[in-house]
Amino acid sequence: MIKVNPPLMDWFSNRGIYITSISLSREMVLKDTLHCAQQLNANYFHSLTELRLKNTDDAVVELMLPVARQLKSCYFHSAHMSTNSMNSDIETEFVKRCVNLTAFEYFGPCASVVLPVIIKSSPNLTTLSLSGVYMFTNSEIQALSRGVPGVTNLVVAPTDGVTIETLTVMADICPSLRQLALPQCLGASPAFGGSIFPVLRRLNLEGEYSMSVATLLGVAQSCPALGSINLTSNKGLGTAVVLGLCHSTSVIHNLRELFLNHSSITDSGVESVVNRYPGIHTIFLLHCEKLTDRATLSLSRCHKLAVIGLPGRAVTLESLKTLSRGCPRIHTLHLSSCPAHVIPALDMFRKLESLKISGSHVQDNEIALLAHVCPMLRRLDISCAIRITDRCLPVLSHSFPKLKKLKW
């Protein structure tokens, strides 16, 4: 963290160095820092185009009001989330001044308060993410679609399912939509089937949907260009639903990414996916408790597979070795509840750059072994691995020369 103060900013500006991106949070903005920042000349921030405000007080938001108009990208996590109160006048005024945004991500308790302001203030939005405690009604989603016709990436949490009327409005008014996320829905699954999203590439239906074969067939018919679908945590999403999709004539033809975490899919369901989509690039099956190593062995036939997430119970030494031989392109591997004895098999993944073994049973000596078999890792996640102690810190700091990101 660099503490904001006028001498430091003078040093930057005298050398022609100007801030283009800044991130502020309640924890890092101390009173004296804020006091100094309020004395700064606005010229210090004349090149600022990206701003992240995370859980910041109204005083900090007010400080950034003069630069709101020049921002192109803004991430705004409202401080009022923790109190579950309404947005403040300062927050609403800040959003009102963001008239040139192309990307806006808002996480707040009452998005409907700022919704009309967003639509009016930022006509050039292409990326819009509205999530949090508040969930939108179908009428609000329709109004949002009409207000941002040029959006290509949209995240919005519906209150109780998405009607065919809402999807029709979205498809007609937002023809350039390439990524759509409708997470956290607690009701019926979206009524896909009649509306056509001609260029939609990524669809996120993560949440407590009551997924059915009919719903997935409707998705396939409505989104002919779909390449990625996230069905994490969907209720009732088991082998029967997957088989219905894979064996239907209305399949998702270009599927490259599939997320089925926390589903009840079985080995036969994974085999159906492999048979239908042998060229798949990414698949996540984390916390799928019905899978065994038979599923992992099946996936070894997907020779273009590069990113994969597997439950610990589906991983053995032999299945990992077979997977590495059949899928030499794998560079990202996630293993939930990873058993420690499979660590030696990781040396078979020659291109492995990112490894996540959070919640695993590995200990300090396995971390030392990991450094030996995977020395070229760039990203490593060992969070919630309760058997790891600070005695492995020397290994982590010296044995991974290319490590850029560590999560513990």
Foldseek 3Di string as FASTA:
>chain_A
DDQDAVVVLVVCVVVVHADAEDEDEQVPCDPVSLVRLLVDDCVNHPNHAEYEYALHDLSVLLSCQVCLCRHAEYEEEHVCQVVLDDDDPSVLSSLLNNQDYQAYAYEDNCVVVNQVSNLVRHQNHQHYAYDYNDADELVSLLVSCQSHLAHQAYHGEHAAEHEPVSLQSNCVRNLNHAHYEHEAHQHEYHDAAPAANERHAEYEHYHAYQDALNNQLSVLNRYQNYAEYAHEPYPPPELVSLLSQLPDPSHNQRHAEYEHEPHQYELVSLLSCCVRCLQHAYYEHEPNVRYALSSLLSNLSSQNHAEYEDEQRNDDLVSLLSNCVSHQNHAYYEYEQHELVNLVSLLSNVNHAEYEHALYQDELVSLLVNLVSCLAHQYYEHHNNVRYDCVNVVCVVPSNVNHNYYHD
